[in-house]
Amino acid sequence: MTLKFDLAGQTFSFLTAIDRAPRKANNPATFWNCICICGAKTVVDGTKLRCGRAGSCGCRKGERISEKVKT
């Protein structure tokens, strides 16, 4: 099977796609094993990576919240 988008090696915000993750049951989406800049490994939907909805493993969440509180 050829991939429509090969994201391996590409960086999206703080995540770098490593390789394709095994397909989840009853879910046609393609998931990717990724590594965050903090060193954590996570599995992310490829569509969310490409459109910018997944930017980190969650380690940056506190930073985003503090920025919102300041404004």
Protein backbone atom coordinates (compact mmCIF):
# COMPACT_ATOMS: atom_id res chain seq x y z
CA MET A 1 0.00 0.00 0.00
CA THR A 2 1.39 3.40 -0.92
CA LEU A 3 0.85 6.30 1.42
CA LYS A 4 -0.86 9.41 0.17
CA PHE A 5 1.37 11.46 2.47
CA ASP A 6 4.71 10.17 3.74
CA LEU A 7 5.36 12.26 6.84
CA ALA A 8 8.39 10.31 8.12
CA GLY A 9 11.18 12.69 9.08
CA GLN A 10 9.04 15.81 8.80
CA THR A 11 8.67 18.21 11.73
CA PHE A 12 5.34 19.76 12.68
CA SER A 13 5.66 22.43 15.36
CA PHE A 14 7.33 20.49 18.22
CA LEU A 15 6.66 16.98 16.85
CA THR A 16 8.77 14.98 14.41
CA ALA A 17 7.09 12.07 12.62
CA ILE A 18 9.21 8.92 12.91
CA ASP A 19 7.22 6.20 11.14
CA ARG A 20 3.70 4.99 10.54
CA ALA A 21 1.90 3.48 13.54
CA PRO A 22 -0.22 0.32 13.25
CA ARG A 23 -3.75 1.00 12.06
CA LYS A 24 -6.37 1.14 14.80
CA ALA A 25 -9.47 -1.06 14.53
CA ASN A 26 -12.45 0.57 12.80
CA ASN A 27 -10.51 3.76 12.10
CA PRO A 28 -9.43 4.53 8.53
CA ALA A 29 -7.06 7.35 9.60
CA THR A 30 -3.30 6.96 9.33
CA PHE A 31 -1.48 7.46 12.61
CA TRP A 32 2.20 8.32 13.05
CA ASN A 33 4.69 7.57 15.81
CA CYS A 34 6.17 10.93 16.73
CA ILE A 35 8.76 12.29 19.11
CA CYS A 36 8.34 15.64 20.83
CA ILE A 37 11.13 18.13 21.56
CA CYS A 38 10.80 17.20 25.24
CA GLY A 39 11.72 13.59 24.31
CA ALA A 40 8.28 12.04 24.82
CA LYS A 41 6.93 9.62 22.23
CA THR A 42 3.33 9.91 21.09
CA VAL A 43 1.01 8.60 18.36
CA VAL A 44 -0.78 11.28 16.35
CA ASP A 45 -3.36 11.30 13.55
CA GLY A 46 -1.60 12.31 10.32
CA THR A 47 -4.37 14.72 9.36
CA LYS A 48 -3.96 16.60 12.64
CA LEU A 49 -0.22 16.84 12.05
CA ARG A 50 -0.62 18.25 8.56
CA CYS A 51 -3.30 20.82 9.46
CA GLY A 52 -1.52 22.00 12.62
CA ARG A 53 -4.01 20.72 15.22
CA ALA A 54 -1.34 18.57 16.90
CA GLY A 55 1.72 20.56 17.90
CA SER A 56 3.22 18.71 20.85
CA CYS A 57 2.77 15.73 23.15
CA GLY A 58 0.97 17.97 25.62
CA CYS A 59 4.08 19.33 27.31
CA ARG A 60 3.40 22.82 25.88
CA LYS A 61 -0.16 22.97 27.21
CA GLY A 62 0.79 24.77 30.42
CA GLU A 63 2.75 27.33 28.42
CA ARG A 64 -0.26 28.07 26.19
CA ILE A 65 -2.55 28.45 29.19
CA SER A 66 -0.19 30.88 30.92
CA GLU A 67 0.01 32.97 27.73
CA LYS A 68 -3.80 33.18 27.59
CA VAL A 69 -3.98 34.24 31.25
CA LYS A 70 -1.48 37.05 30.64
CA THR A 71 -3.53 38.54 27.80
